[in-house]
């Protein structure tokens, strides 16, 4: 599980959550994101490779050490991304293709407790659920400029995996608008 690096702030279903602000960088060659806490610290940033076959992004901590590597799986049925941690495959994020009137993503992690993301991805409002419990909420509601999201994560959840999944969902749903 990822160590908590942000300030506890918002109430999600009776639990205090950690708020992150993820913003797409516009003047970058690749898909780059800054991930900050509410108080302005930047515990993570995502550096996208500008010229690669498929999307490849490195998520780094404030010291510049890679905490996750995100790679688009090119020959798959539907949008699929793999998240590597410590050089090993850790999670697979896949957009569900056969859902009616809604969009859904699964985040397959080791063990039986995968994440599911559902909501209005076009309006950038969605939640992550694990074992029937909401564990994260993503919203662009309060951010009108660029691709900027507020991400609330319940303490004890793997913030690196959830933040990396948010990057993947943005790439799947809105990546073509940037290029």
N, C-alpha and C. Protein backbone atom coordinates (compact mmCIF):
# COMPACT_ATOMS: atom_id res chain seq x y z
N UNK A 1 0.83 -1.17 0.00
CA UNK A 1 0.00 0.00 0.00
C UNK A 1 0.87 1.24 0.00
N UNK A 2 0.44 2.27 -0.70
CA UNK A 2 1.20 3.51 -0.78
C UNK A 2 1.14 4.26 0.53
N UNK A 3 2.24 4.89 0.89
CA UNK A 3 2.27 5.69 2.10
C UNK A 3 1.53 7.00 1.84
N UNK A 4 0.77 7.44 2.80
CA UNK A 4 0.00 8.66 2.65
C UNK A 4 0.92 9.86 2.71
N UNK A 5 0.79 10.75 1.72
CA UNK A 5 1.66 11.92 1.68
C UNK A 5 0.87 13.22 1.72
N UNK A 6 -0.45 13.15 1.84
CA UNK A 6 -1.23 14.38 1.78
C UNK A 6 -1.97 14.63 3.08
N UNK A 7 -2.62 15.78 3.13
CA UNK A 7 -3.35 16.19 4.30
C UNK A 7 -4.73 15.55 4.27
N UNK A 8 -5.20 15.05 5.40
CA UNK A 8 -6.56 14.52 5.44
C UNK A 8 -7.52 15.68 5.34
N UNK A 9 -8.59 15.51 4.52
CA UNK A 9 -9.44 16.65 4.34
C UNK A 9 -10.91 16.35 4.15
N UNK A 10 -11.31 15.64 3.15
CA UNK A 10 -12.71 15.57 2.76
C UNK A 10 -13.37 14.28 3.19
N UNK A 11 -14.66 14.36 3.46
CA UNK A 11 -15.45 13.25 3.95
C UNK A 11 -16.04 12.47 2.78
N UNK A 12 -15.63 11.20 2.60
CA UNK A 12 -16.23 10.32 1.60
C UNK A 12 -16.93 9.22 2.39
N UNK A 13 -18.24 9.19 2.33
CA UNK A 13 -19.03 8.17 2.99
C UNK A 13 -18.62 7.96 4.45
N UNK A 14 -18.45 9.06 5.17
CA UNK A 14 -18.15 8.99 6.60
C UNK A 14 -16.69 8.82 6.94
N UNK A 15 -15.81 8.82 5.94
CA UNK A 15 -14.37 8.68 6.21
C UNK A 15 -13.63 9.89 5.66
N UNK A 16 -12.62 10.32 6.36
CA UNK A 16 -11.83 11.43 5.86
C UNK A 16 -10.93 10.94 4.74
N UNK A 17 -10.81 11.74 3.71
CA UNK A 17 -10.04 11.35 2.53
C UNK A 17 -8.87 12.31 2.34
N UNK A 18 -7.88 11.85 1.59
CA UNK A 18 -6.75 12.68 1.22
C UNK A 18 -7.06 13.28 -0.15
N UNK A 19 -6.88 14.58 -0.30
CA UNK A 19 -7.17 15.22 -1.57
C UNK A 19 -5.88 15.50 -2.33
N UNK A 20 -5.91 15.08 -3.60
CA UNK A 20 -4.84 15.38 -4.54
C UNK A 20 -5.44 16.22 -5.67
N UNK A 21 -4.61 17.04 -6.28
CA UNK A 21 -5.02 17.80 -7.45
C UNK A 21 -4.09 17.38 -8.58
N UNK A 22 -4.68 16.78 -9.61
CA UNK A 22 -3.90 16.30 -10.77
C UNK A 22 -4.18 17.21 -11.95
N UNK A 23 -3.11 17.75 -12.54
CA UNK A 23 -3.28 18.68 -13.65
C UNK A 23 -2.40 18.28 -14.83
N UNK A 24 -3.02 18.25 -16.00
CA UNK A 24 -2.30 18.00 -17.26
C UNK A 24 -1.43 19.21 -17.57
N UNK A 25 -0.19 18.99 -17.91
CA UNK A 25 0.69 20.09 -18.32
C UNK A 25 0.50 20.31 -19.82
N UNK A 26 0.23 21.52 -20.21
CA UNK A 26 -0.09 21.81 -21.62
C UNK A 26 1.13 22.01 -22.50
N UNK A 27 2.17 22.59 -22.01
CA UNK A 27 3.34 22.87 -22.85
C UNK A 27 4.40 21.81 -22.67
N UNK A 28 4.01 20.58 -22.87
CA UNK A 28 4.93 19.45 -22.73
C UNK A 28 4.87 18.61 -24.00
N UNK A 29 5.97 17.96 -24.34
CA UNK A 29 5.99 17.12 -25.53
C UNK A 29 5.19 15.84 -25.34
N UNK A 30 5.24 15.24 -24.17
CA UNK A 30 4.49 14.02 -23.88
C UNK A 30 3.29 14.34 -23.01
N UNK A 31 2.60 13.30 -22.55
CA UNK A 31 1.49 13.48 -21.61
C UNK A 31 2.08 13.60 -20.22
N UNK A 32 2.24 14.82 -19.74
CA UNK A 32 2.81 15.08 -18.43
C UNK A 32 1.74 15.60 -17.48
N UNK A 33 1.80 15.16 -16.22
CA UNK A 33 0.84 15.57 -15.20
C UNK A 33 1.59 15.96 -13.94
N UNK A 34 1.11 16.99 -13.25
CA UNK A 34 1.60 17.26 -11.90
C UNK A 34 0.52 16.78 -10.94
N UNK A 35 0.94 16.19 -9.84
CA UNK A 35 0.00 15.72 -8.82
C UNK A 35 0.43 16.37 -7.51
N UNK A 36 -0.44 17.24 -7.02
CA UNK A 36 -0.13 18.02 -5.81
C UNK A 36 -1.13 17.71 -4.72
N UNK A 37 -0.73 18.05 -3.50
CA UNK A 37 -1.66 17.98 -2.38
C UNK A 37 -2.35 19.32 -2.29
N UNK A 38 -3.37 19.38 -1.47
CA UNK A 38 -4.11 20.62 -1.29
C UNK A 38 -3.24 21.77 -0.82
N UNK A 39 -2.23 21.47 -0.02
CA UNK A 39 -1.38 22.53 0.51
C UNK A 39 -0.25 22.91 -0.45
N UNK A 40 -0.29 22.40 -1.68
CA UNK A 40 0.66 22.83 -2.71
C UNK A 40 1.90 21.97 -2.87
N UNK A 41 2.11 20.99 -2.00
CA UNK A 41 3.26 20.09 -2.17
C UNK A 41 3.02 19.20 -3.38
N UNK A 42 4.10 18.80 -4.04
CA UNK A 42 3.98 17.92 -5.20
C UNK A 42 4.64 16.58 -4.89
N UNK A 43 3.85 15.62 -4.34
CA UNK A 43 4.44 14.33 -3.99
C UNK A 43 4.71 13.45 -5.21
N UNK A 44 4.01 13.72 -6.34
CA UNK A 44 4.19 12.91 -7.54
C UNK A 44 4.12 13.79 -8.79
N UNK A 45 4.76 13.30 -9.84
CA UNK A 45 4.56 13.88 -11.17
C UNK A 45 4.67 12.74 -12.18
N UNK A 46 4.03 12.95 -13.32
CA UNK A 46 4.00 11.92 -14.35
C UNK A 46 4.67 12.49 -15.60
N UNK A 47 5.66 11.77 -16.09
CA UNK A 47 6.42 12.19 -17.26
C UNK A 47 6.12 11.23 -18.40
N UNK A 48 5.40 11.73 -19.42
CA UNK A 48 5.06 10.91 -20.57
C UNK A 48 6.12 10.99 -21.65
N UNK A 49 6.41 9.87 -22.27
CA UNK A 49 7.39 9.85 -23.36
C UNK A 49 6.74 10.40 -24.62
N UNK A 50 7.40 11.36 -25.24
CA UNK A 50 6.83 12.04 -26.40
C UNK A 50 6.78 11.16 -27.64
N UNK A 51 7.81 10.40 -27.89
CA UNK A 51 7.88 9.62 -29.12
C UNK A 51 8.06 8.15 -28.77
N UNK A 52 6.92 7.46 -28.66
CA UNK A 52 6.98 6.03 -28.35
C UNK A 52 5.80 5.35 -29.02
N UNK A 53 5.92 4.05 -29.18
CA UNK A 53 4.85 3.24 -29.75
C UNK A 53 3.86 2.98 -28.62
N UNK A 54 2.72 3.67 -28.64
CA UNK A 54 1.76 3.62 -27.54
C UNK A 54 2.20 4.55 -26.43
N UNK A 55 1.28 4.82 -25.51
CA UNK A 55 1.59 5.70 -24.39
C UNK A 55 2.50 4.98 -23.39
N UNK A 56 3.53 5.68 -22.95
CA UNK A 56 4.43 5.19 -21.92
C UNK A 56 4.70 6.37 -20.99
N UNK A 57 4.44 6.17 -19.71
CA UNK A 57 4.57 7.25 -18.74
C UNK A 57 5.27 6.75 -17.49
N UNK A 58 6.07 7.61 -16.89
CA UNK A 58 6.77 7.27 -15.66
C UNK A 58 6.21 8.16 -14.55
N UNK A 59 5.69 7.53 -13.50
CA UNK A 59 5.20 8.27 -12.33
C UNK A 59 6.31 8.28 -11.30
N UNK A 60 6.69 9.49 -10.89
CA UNK A 60 7.83 9.64 -9.98
C UNK A 60 7.42 10.37 -8.71
N UNK A 61 8.16 10.09 -7.63
CA UNK A 61 7.90 10.81 -6.38
C UNK A 61 8.65 12.14 -6.41
N UNK A 62 8.53 12.91 -5.35
CA UNK A 62 9.12 14.25 -5.29
C UNK A 62 10.65 14.21 -5.45
N UNK A 63 11.28 13.12 -5.06
CA UNK A 63 12.73 12.98 -5.19
C UNK A 63 13.18 12.51 -6.56
N UNK A 64 12.25 12.23 -7.46
CA UNK A 64 12.59 11.80 -8.81
C UNK A 64 12.69 10.29 -8.98
N UNK A 65 12.38 9.52 -7.93
CA UNK A 65 12.42 8.06 -8.04
C UNK A 65 11.12 7.55 -8.64
N UNK A 66 11.23 6.61 -9.58
CA UNK A 66 10.04 6.06 -10.22
C UNK A 66 9.28 5.18 -9.22
N UNK A 67 7.97 5.48 -9.06
CA UNK A 67 7.11 4.68 -8.19
C UNK A 67 6.16 3.81 -9.01
N UNK A 68 5.98 4.16 -10.29
CA UNK A 68 5.14 3.35 -11.18
C UNK A 68 5.48 3.69 -12.62
N UNK A 69 5.34 2.70 -13.49
CA UNK A 69 5.53 2.91 -14.92
C UNK A 69 4.25 2.44 -15.60
N UNK A 70 3.69 3.29 -16.45
CA UNK A 70 2.42 3.01 -17.12
C UNK A 70 2.70 2.77 -18.60
N UNK A 71 2.25 1.65 -19.14
CA UNK A 71 2.48 1.32 -20.55
C UNK A 71 1.17 0.87 -21.20
N UNK A 72 0.88 1.44 -22.35
CA UNK A 72 -0.29 1.04 -23.11
C UNK A 72 -0.03 -0.31 -23.75
N UNK A 73 -0.96 -1.23 -23.61
CA UNK A 73 -0.85 -2.54 -24.24
C UNK A 73 -1.46 -2.40 -25.63
N UNK A 74 -0.63 -2.51 -26.64
CA UNK A 74 -1.04 -2.18 -27.99
C UNK A 74 -1.96 -3.20 -28.65
N UNK A 75 -1.70 -4.46 -28.52
CA UNK A 75 -2.51 -5.47 -29.20
C UNK A 75 -3.48 -6.12 -28.21
N UNK A 76 -4.51 -5.36 -27.86
CA UNK A 76 -5.50 -5.87 -26.91
C UNK A 76 -6.89 -5.48 -27.38
N UNK A 77 -7.86 -6.18 -26.88
CA UNK A 77 -9.24 -5.92 -27.23
C UNK A 77 -9.73 -4.78 -26.33
N UNK A 78 -9.72 -3.56 -26.84
CA UNK A 78 -10.13 -2.39 -26.08
C UNK A 78 -8.94 -1.75 -25.39
N UNK A 79 -9.12 -0.49 -24.94
CA UNK A 79 -8.03 0.23 -24.26
C UNK A 79 -7.58 -0.49 -23.00
N UNK A 80 -6.29 -0.84 -22.97
CA UNK A 80 -5.71 -1.57 -21.85
C UNK A 80 -4.33 -0.98 -21.53
N UNK A 81 -4.08 -0.74 -20.25
CA UNK A 81 -2.80 -0.22 -19.79
C UNK A 81 -2.28 -1.09 -18.66
N UNK A 82 -0.96 -1.24 -18.60
CA UNK A 82 -0.33 -2.00 -17.53
C UNK A 82 0.44 -1.04 -16.63
N UNK A 83 0.33 -1.27 -15.33
CA UNK A 83 1.05 -0.46 -14.35
C UNK A 83 2.11 -1.36 -13.72
N UNK A 84 3.36 -0.95 -13.85
CA UNK A 84 4.50 -1.68 -13.29
C UNK A 84 5.00 -0.96 -12.05
N UNK A 85 5.33 -1.74 -11.02
CA UNK A 85 5.92 -1.18 -9.80
C UNK A 85 7.12 -2.03 -9.45
N UNK A 86 8.25 -1.37 -9.25
CA UNK A 86 9.48 -2.10 -8.96
C UNK A 86 9.89 -3.02 -10.10
N UNK A 87 9.55 -2.64 -11.34
CA UNK A 87 9.92 -3.43 -12.50
C UNK A 87 9.02 -4.61 -12.81
N UNK A 88 8.02 -4.87 -11.96
CA UNK A 88 7.10 -6.01 -12.17
C UNK A 88 5.69 -5.51 -12.44
N UNK A 89 4.97 -6.27 -13.26
CA UNK A 89 3.58 -5.93 -13.54
C UNK A 89 2.80 -5.98 -12.23
N UNK A 90 2.12 -4.88 -11.91
CA UNK A 90 1.38 -4.79 -10.66
C UNK A 90 -0.12 -4.71 -10.87
N UNK A 91 -0.56 -3.99 -11.92
CA UNK A 91 -2.00 -3.82 -12.15
C UNK A 91 -2.27 -3.65 -13.63
N UNK A 92 -3.49 -3.99 -14.04
CA UNK A 92 -3.93 -3.80 -15.41
C UNK A 92 -5.22 -2.98 -15.37
N UNK A 93 -5.22 -1.87 -16.10
CA UNK A 93 -6.40 -1.00 -16.17
C UNK A 93 -7.02 -1.23 -17.54
N UNK A 94 -8.30 -1.60 -17.54
CA UNK A 94 -8.97 -1.93 -18.80
C UNK A 94 -10.33 -1.26 -18.86
N UNK A 95 -10.60 -0.66 -20.00
CA UNK A 95 -11.92 -0.07 -20.23
C UNK A 95 -12.86 -1.18 -20.64
N UNK A 96 -13.97 -1.28 -19.94
CA UNK A 96 -14.98 -2.29 -20.26
C UNK A 96 -15.67 -1.87 -21.55
N UNK A 97 -15.78 -2.79 -22.50
CA UNK A 97 -16.33 -2.45 -23.81
C UNK A 97 -17.84 -2.63 -23.90
N UNK A 98 -18.38 -3.61 -23.24
CA UNK A 98 -19.79 -3.94 -23.43
C UNK A 98 -20.64 -3.51 -22.23
N UNK A 99 -20.69 -2.21 -21.99
CA UNK A 99 -21.56 -1.66 -20.96
C UNK A 99 -22.56 -0.74 -21.65
N UNK A 100 -23.79 -0.79 -21.21
CA UNK A 100 -24.83 0.01 -21.83
C UNK A 100 -25.09 1.27 -21.01
N UNK A 101 -25.12 2.40 -21.67
CA UNK A 101 -25.48 3.70 -21.08
C UNK A 101 -24.53 4.17 -20.00
N UNK A 102 -23.36 3.60 -19.90
CA UNK A 102 -22.37 4.07 -18.92
C UNK A 102 -20.99 3.60 -19.37
N UNK A 103 -20.01 4.13 -18.73
CA UNK A 103 -18.63 3.76 -19.01
C UNK A 103 -18.07 3.12 -17.73
N UNK A 104 -17.19 2.15 -17.87
CA UNK A 104 -16.63 1.49 -16.70
C UNK A 104 -15.20 1.05 -16.99
N UNK A 105 -14.39 1.06 -15.94
CA UNK A 105 -13.01 0.59 -16.01
C UNK A 105 -12.79 -0.38 -14.87
N UNK A 106 -11.93 -1.37 -15.08
CA UNK A 106 -11.50 -2.24 -13.99
C UNK A 106 -10.00 -2.03 -13.79
N UNK A 107 -9.58 -2.12 -12.54
CA UNK A 107 -8.17 -2.06 -12.19
C UNK A 107 -7.88 -3.37 -11.49
N UNK A 108 -7.28 -4.30 -12.25
CA UNK A 108 -6.98 -5.64 -11.75
C UNK A 108 -5.66 -5.59 -11.00
N UNK A 109 -5.73 -5.76 -9.68
CA UNK A 109 -4.54 -5.75 -8.82
C UNK A 109 -4.35 -7.14 -8.23
N UNK A 110 -3.18 -7.45 -7.66
CA UNK A 110 -2.97 -8.76 -7.06
C UNK A 110 -4.03 -9.06 -6.00
N UNK A 111 -4.49 -10.27 -5.98
CA UNK A 111 -5.50 -10.67 -5.01
C UNK A 111 -6.91 -10.46 -5.54
N UNK A 112 -7.89 -10.73 -4.70
CA UNK A 112 -9.27 -10.70 -5.16
C UNK A 112 -9.94 -9.33 -5.11
N UNK A 113 -9.30 -8.32 -4.57
CA UNK A 113 -9.96 -7.04 -4.33
C UNK A 113 -9.64 -5.99 -5.38
N UNK A 114 -10.11 -6.21 -6.60
CA UNK A 114 -9.87 -5.26 -7.69
C UNK A 114 -10.70 -3.99 -7.49
N UNK A 115 -10.26 -2.93 -8.17
CA UNK A 115 -11.00 -1.67 -8.17
C UNK A 115 -11.90 -1.62 -9.39
N UNK A 116 -13.05 -0.96 -9.26
CA UNK A 116 -13.92 -0.67 -10.39
C UNK A 116 -14.17 0.83 -10.39
N UNK A 117 -14.06 1.45 -11.56
CA UNK A 117 -14.34 2.88 -11.70
C UNK A 117 -15.56 3.05 -12.58
N UNK A 118 -16.54 3.78 -12.08
CA UNK A 118 -17.75 4.05 -12.85
C UNK A 118 -18.15 5.51 -12.65
N UNK A 119 -18.89 6.02 -13.61
CA UNK A 119 -19.38 7.39 -13.49
C UNK A 119 -19.50 8.03 -14.86
N UNK A 120 -19.48 9.34 -14.88
CA UNK A 120 -19.60 10.11 -16.11
C UNK A 120 -18.20 10.55 -16.53
N UNK A 121 -17.54 9.73 -17.33
CA UNK A 121 -16.15 9.99 -17.69
C UNK A 121 -16.02 11.17 -18.64
N UNK A 122 -17.05 11.43 -19.43
CA UNK A 122 -16.98 12.58 -20.35
C UNK A 122 -17.00 13.89 -19.56
N UNK A 123 -17.75 13.93 -18.48
CA UNK A 123 -17.79 15.12 -17.62
C UNK A 123 -16.76 15.03 -16.50
N UNK A 124 -15.98 13.96 -16.50
CA UNK A 124 -14.89 13.77 -15.56
C UNK A 124 -15.34 13.71 -14.10
N UNK A 125 -16.40 12.94 -13.86
CA UNK A 125 -16.92 12.72 -12.52
C UNK A 125 -17.09 11.21 -12.35
N UNK A 126 -16.27 10.59 -11.51
CA UNK A 126 -16.41 9.15 -11.33
C UNK A 126 -15.88 8.72 -9.97
N UNK A 127 -16.19 7.48 -9.60
CA UNK A 127 -15.75 6.94 -8.32
C UNK A 127 -15.07 5.59 -8.52
N UNK A 128 -14.21 5.25 -7.57
CA UNK A 128 -13.59 3.93 -7.51
C UNK A 128 -14.23 3.17 -6.35
N UNK A 129 -14.58 1.92 -6.61
CA UNK A 129 -15.19 1.06 -5.60
C UNK A 129 -14.32 -0.19 -5.49
N UNK A 130 -14.16 -0.66 -4.24
CA UNK A 130 -13.42 -1.90 -3.98
C UNK A 130 -14.19 -2.69 -2.94
N UNK A 131 -14.47 -3.91 -3.21
CA UNK A 131 -15.27 -4.80 -2.34
C UNK A 131 -16.56 -4.11 -1.87
N UNK A 132 -17.24 -3.44 -2.81
CA UNK A 132 -18.52 -2.81 -2.52
C UNK A 132 -18.46 -1.50 -1.76
N UNK A 133 -17.27 -0.98 -1.54
CA UNK A 133 -17.08 0.24 -0.75
C UNK A 133 -16.40 1.31 -1.59
N UNK A 134 -16.96 2.53 -1.58
CA UNK A 134 -16.33 3.63 -2.32
C UNK A 134 -15.03 4.01 -1.64
N UNK A 135 -13.92 4.01 -2.43
CA UNK A 135 -12.61 4.29 -1.84
C UNK A 135 -11.95 5.53 -2.44
N UNK A 136 -12.49 6.04 -3.55
CA UNK A 136 -11.95 7.25 -4.16
C UNK A 136 -13.02 7.92 -5.01
N UNK A 137 -12.88 9.23 -5.10
CA UNK A 137 -13.81 10.03 -5.89
C UNK A 137 -12.98 11.00 -6.72
N UNK A 138 -13.33 11.12 -8.01
CA UNK A 138 -12.60 11.99 -8.93
C UNK A 138 -13.59 13.00 -9.49
N UNK A 139 -13.17 14.27 -9.49
CA UNK A 139 -14.08 15.31 -9.96
C UNK A 139 -13.34 16.46 -10.63
N UNK A 140 -13.89 16.90 -11.74
CA UNK A 140 -13.39 18.12 -12.38
C UNK A 140 -14.32 19.28 -12.05
N UNK A 141 -15.33 19.04 -11.26
CA UNK A 141 -16.39 20.00 -10.95
C UNK A 141 -15.86 21.37 -10.55
N UNK A 142 -14.84 21.43 -9.72
CA UNK A 142 -14.36 22.71 -9.21
C UNK A 142 -13.19 23.27 -10.01
N UNK A 143 -12.84 22.61 -11.10
CA UNK A 143 -11.68 23.02 -11.89
C UNK A 143 -12.11 23.21 -13.33
N UNK A 144 -12.14 24.44 -13.81
CA UNK A 144 -12.64 24.72 -15.15
C UNK A 144 -11.52 24.84 -16.18
N UNK A 145 -10.30 25.03 -15.78
CA UNK A 145 -9.21 25.23 -16.72
C UNK A 145 -8.43 23.94 -16.94
N UNK A 146 -7.95 23.73 -18.12
CA UNK A 146 -7.18 22.55 -18.53
C UNK A 146 -7.81 21.26 -18.01
N UNK A 147 -7.07 20.19 -18.08
CA UNK A 147 -7.51 18.92 -17.52
C UNK A 147 -7.01 18.85 -16.09
N UNK A 148 -7.82 19.32 -15.16
CA UNK A 148 -7.46 19.36 -13.75
C UNK A 148 -8.54 18.66 -12.95
N UNK A 149 -8.12 17.77 -12.05
CA UNK A 149 -9.05 16.95 -11.28
C UNK A 149 -8.76 17.05 -9.78
N UNK A 150 -9.80 17.00 -8.98
CA UNK A 150 -9.67 16.78 -7.55
C UNK A 150 -9.87 15.30 -7.33
N UNK A 151 -8.95 14.66 -6.61
CA UNK A 151 -9.03 13.22 -6.37
C UNK A 151 -8.97 12.99 -4.87
N UNK A 152 -10.06 12.48 -4.31
CA UNK A 152 -10.13 12.17 -2.89
C UNK A 152 -9.97 10.66 -2.71
N UNK A 153 -9.01 10.26 -1.86
CA UNK A 153 -8.72 8.84 -1.64
C UNK A 153 -8.83 8.53 -0.15
N UNK A 154 -9.58 7.49 0.18
CA UNK A 154 -9.75 7.06 1.56
C UNK A 154 -8.40 6.57 2.09
N UNK A 155 -8.04 6.92 3.33
CA UNK A 155 -6.77 6.44 3.91
C UNK A 155 -6.70 4.92 3.92
N UNK A 156 -5.50 4.41 3.68
CA UNK A 156 -5.28 2.96 3.67
C UNK A 156 -5.35 2.35 2.29
N UNK A 157 -5.86 3.11 1.31
CA UNK A 157 -5.90 2.61 -0.06
C UNK A 157 -4.57 2.94 -0.74
N UNK A 158 -4.27 2.26 -1.82
CA UNK A 158 -3.01 2.41 -2.54
C UNK A 158 -3.08 3.64 -3.45
N UNK A 159 -2.61 4.77 -2.94
CA UNK A 159 -2.74 6.03 -3.68
C UNK A 159 -1.97 6.04 -4.98
N UNK A 160 -0.83 5.38 -5.05
CA UNK A 160 -0.05 5.35 -6.29
C UNK A 160 -0.84 4.64 -7.39
N UNK A 161 -1.40 3.48 -7.08
CA UNK A 161 -2.19 2.75 -8.07
C UNK A 161 -3.43 3.53 -8.48
N UNK A 162 -4.13 4.13 -7.54
CA UNK A 162 -5.33 4.89 -7.87
C UNK A 162 -5.00 6.14 -8.70
N UNK A 163 -3.93 6.84 -8.36
CA UNK A 163 -3.54 8.02 -9.13
C UNK A 163 -3.09 7.62 -10.54
N UNK A 164 -2.34 6.52 -10.65
CA UNK A 164 -1.93 6.04 -11.97
C UNK A 164 -3.15 5.64 -12.79
N UNK A 165 -4.16 5.02 -12.16
CA UNK A 165 -5.39 4.66 -12.86
C UNK A 165 -6.13 5.91 -13.34
N UNK A 166 -6.10 6.99 -12.57
CA UNK A 166 -6.72 8.25 -13.00
C UNK A 166 -6.03 8.80 -14.24
N UNK A 167 -4.72 8.69 -14.31
CA UNK A 167 -3.98 9.10 -15.50
C UNK A 167 -4.42 8.28 -16.70
N UNK A 168 -4.53 6.97 -16.52
CA UNK A 168 -4.95 6.08 -17.61
C UNK A 168 -6.36 6.43 -18.08
N UNK A 169 -7.27 6.65 -17.16
CA UNK A 169 -8.65 6.99 -17.54
C UNK A 169 -8.69 8.30 -18.32
N UNK A 170 -7.89 9.27 -17.91
CA UNK A 170 -7.83 10.53 -18.66
C UNK A 170 -7.30 10.28 -20.07
N UNK A 171 -6.27 9.45 -20.21
CA UNK A 171 -5.73 9.15 -21.53
C UNK A 171 -6.76 8.45 -22.41
N UNK A 172 -7.51 7.51 -21.82
CA UNK A 172 -8.52 6.75 -22.59
C UNK A 172 -9.69 7.62 -23.02
N UNK A 173 -10.13 8.49 -22.14
CA UNK A 173 -11.35 9.27 -22.39
C UNK A 173 -11.10 10.62 -23.04
N UNK A 174 -9.91 11.21 -22.85
CA UNK A 174 -9.69 12.57 -23.33
C UNK A 174 -8.34 12.78 -23.99
N UNK A 175 -7.57 11.72 -24.19
CA UNK A 175 -6.23 11.85 -24.75
C UNK A 175 -6.20 12.39 -26.16
N UNK A 176 -7.19 12.05 -26.99
CA UNK A 176 -7.18 12.49 -28.38
C UNK A 176 -7.45 13.98 -28.52
N UNK A 177 -7.98 14.63 -27.51
CA UNK A 177 -8.25 16.06 -27.58
C UNK A 177 -6.98 16.89 -27.42
N UNK A 178 -5.90 16.28 -26.90
CA UNK A 178 -4.66 17.02 -26.64
C UNK A 178 -3.72 16.99 -27.84
N UNK A 179 -3.90 16.07 -28.75
CA UNK A 179 -2.92 15.91 -29.83
C UNK A 179 -3.50 16.32 -31.16
